[in-house]
Amino acid sequence: MRTSVTRAFSFEAAHQLPWHQGKCQRLHGHSYRLEVTVAGPIGPNGIVVDFSDVRRVVQREVIDRFDHRYLNDLLDNPTAELVAAEIWKSLEAAELAVSHIRLWETADSWVELQAD
């Protein structure tokens, strides 16, 4: 049996997309919502991963890095898709077994990444 564990987070950040033909070309901010899912077998203690371990890694690798930042200082082209991909790489490098990420840029717009 494979089980998924998801924890949600939020952070505030600003960016601009100079190539964009619409309003996203101008400096603007978002209240991002991030959902991180780890999947795997239920271990001997009855869990896939401790929620607090997920929180600790995401706080260190994502929230501390992205919260209240100008994303153009971190990425050349900070689209939601590329921000999500960067988050995935950071969590994977921190040895968190991520299986799914959902990054909400607005209340009704999000990007999803899934393990193959």
Protein backbone atom coordinates (compact mmCIF):
# COMPACT_ATOMS: atom_id res chain seq x y z
CA MET A 1 0.00 0.00 0.00
CA ARG A 2 1.26 3.46 -0.90
CA THR A 3 0.11 6.35 1.25
CA SER A 4 0.46 10.10 0.73
CA VAL A 5 1.05 12.71 3.41
CA THR A 6 0.48 16.38 2.53
CA ARG A 7 1.27 19.52 4.46
CA ALA A 8 0.29 23.07 3.40
CA PHE A 9 2.34 26.24 3.77
CA SER A 10 2.09 29.88 2.71
CA PHE A 11 4.50 32.64 1.83
CA GLU A 12 4.37 36.13 0.38
CA ALA A 13 6.55 37.16 -2.55
CA ALA A 14 6.75 39.65 -5.40
CA HIS A 15 7.90 39.29 -8.97
CA GLN A 16 7.52 40.62 -12.47
CA LEU A 17 7.68 38.98 -15.86
CA PRO A 18 9.26 41.50 -18.25
CA TRP A 19 8.41 39.38 -21.31
CA HIS A 20 4.69 39.21 -20.42
CA GLN A 21 2.31 41.25 -22.59
CA GLY A 22 -0.23 41.80 -19.77
CA LYS A 23 -0.27 43.18 -16.26
CA CYS A 24 2.20 40.54 -15.00
CA GLN A 25 4.90 42.59 -16.72
CA ARG A 26 4.66 45.07 -13.83
CA LEU A 27 5.90 44.45 -10.31
CA HIS A 28 3.24 42.66 -8.26
CA GLY A 29 2.94 40.25 -5.37
CA HIS A 30 1.20 37.02 -4.48
CA SER A 31 0.12 35.20 -1.35
CA TYR A 32 1.42 31.80 -2.41
CA ARG A 33 0.02 28.59 -0.96
CA LEU A 34 2.23 25.53 -1.22
CA GLU A 35 1.14 21.93 -0.73
CA VAL A 36 3.94 19.37 -0.41
CA THR A 37 3.14 15.67 -0.63
CA VAL A 38 5.41 12.82 0.37
CA ALA A 39 4.33 9.29 -0.58
CA GLY A 40 5.54 5.89 0.47
CA PRO A 41 4.81 2.85 2.51
CA ILE A 42 3.56 3.14 6.05
CA GLY A 43 6.56 2.40 8.25
CA PRO A 44 6.86 0.42 11.48
CA ASN A 45 5.72 3.44 13.54
CA GLY A 46 2.53 3.71 11.49
CA ILE A 47 3.54 6.78 9.45
CA VAL A 48 5.02 7.60 6.04
CA VAL A 49 6.81 10.66 7.36
CA ASP A 50 6.30 12.83 10.41
CA PHE A 51 4.39 16.02 9.58
CA SER A 52 6.87 17.97 11.69
CA ASP A 53 9.78 16.66 9.59
CA VAL A 54 8.03 17.88 6.44
CA ARG A 55 7.44 21.25 8.10
CA ARG A 56 11.06 21.55 9.21
CA VAL A 57 12.49 20.81 5.75
CA VAL A 58 10.01 23.02 3.86
CA GLN A 59 10.55 25.89 6.31
CA ARG A 60 14.32 25.71 5.89
CA GLU A 61 14.48 25.06 2.14
CA VAL A 62 11.49 27.04 0.85
CA ILE A 63 9.82 29.43 3.27
CA ASP A 64 13.04 30.92 4.66
CA ARG A 65 14.29 31.38 1.08
CA PHE A 66 11.16 32.69 -0.69
CA ASP A 67 9.03 34.46 1.92
CA HIS A 68 8.87 38.25 1.53
CA ARG A 69 11.36 38.20 -1.32
CA TYR A 70 11.56 39.63 -4.81
CA LEU A 71 11.62 36.39 -6.78
CA ASN A 72 13.47 37.97 -9.72
CA ASP A 73 16.51 38.12 -7.41
CA LEU A 74 16.34 34.32 -7.08
CA LEU A 75 15.25 33.20 -10.55
CA ASP A 76 15.75 34.74 -13.98
CA ASN A 77 12.16 34.03 -15.01
CA PRO A 78 10.04 33.46 -11.87
CA THR A 79 6.91 31.99 -13.41
CA ALA A 80 4.78 29.82 -11.14
CA GLU A 81 5.96 26.77 -13.09
CA LEU A 82 9.65 27.59 -12.60
CA VAL A 83 9.20 28.57 -8.94
CA ALA A 84 7.51 25.21 -8.32
CA ALA A 85 10.31 23.38 -10.14
CA GLU A 86 12.91 25.19 -8.04
CA ILE A 87 11.02 24.26 -4.86
CA TRP A 88 10.94 20.63 -5.97
CA LYS A 89 14.69 20.61 -6.63
CA SER A 90 15.41 22.18 -3.24
CA LEU A 91 13.27 19.66 -1.37
CA GLU A 92 14.69 16.75 -3.30
CA ALA A 93 18.25 17.95 -2.57
CA ALA A 94 17.28 18.04 1.13
CA GLU A 95 16.33 14.36 0.78
CA LEU A 96 12.59 14.85 1.26
CA ALA A 97 10.84 12.16 -0.82
CA VAL A 98 8.47 14.53 -2.61
CA SER A 99 5.85 12.94 -4.84
CA HIS A 100 3.63 15.95 -5.59
CA ILE A 101 3.74 19.72 -5.24
CA ARG A 102 0.89 22.15 -5.78
CA LEU A 103 1.79 25.85 -5.80
CA TRP A 104 -1.16 28.24 -5.72
CA GLU A 105 -0.28 31.65 -7.14
CA THR A 106 -3.79 33.01 -6.62
CA ALA A 107 -6.96 31.63 -5.05
CA ASP A 108 -7.96 30.06 -8.37
CA SER A 109 -4.67 29.44 -10.20
CA TRP A 110 -2.06 26.82 -9.40
CA VAL A 111 0.73 24.68 -10.81
CA GLU A 112 1.20 20.99 -10.06
CA LEU A 113 4.34 18.87 -10.29
CA GLN A 114 4.32 15.11 -9.85
CA ALA A 115 6.98 12.45 -9.69
CA ASP A 116 7.12 10.25 -12.78
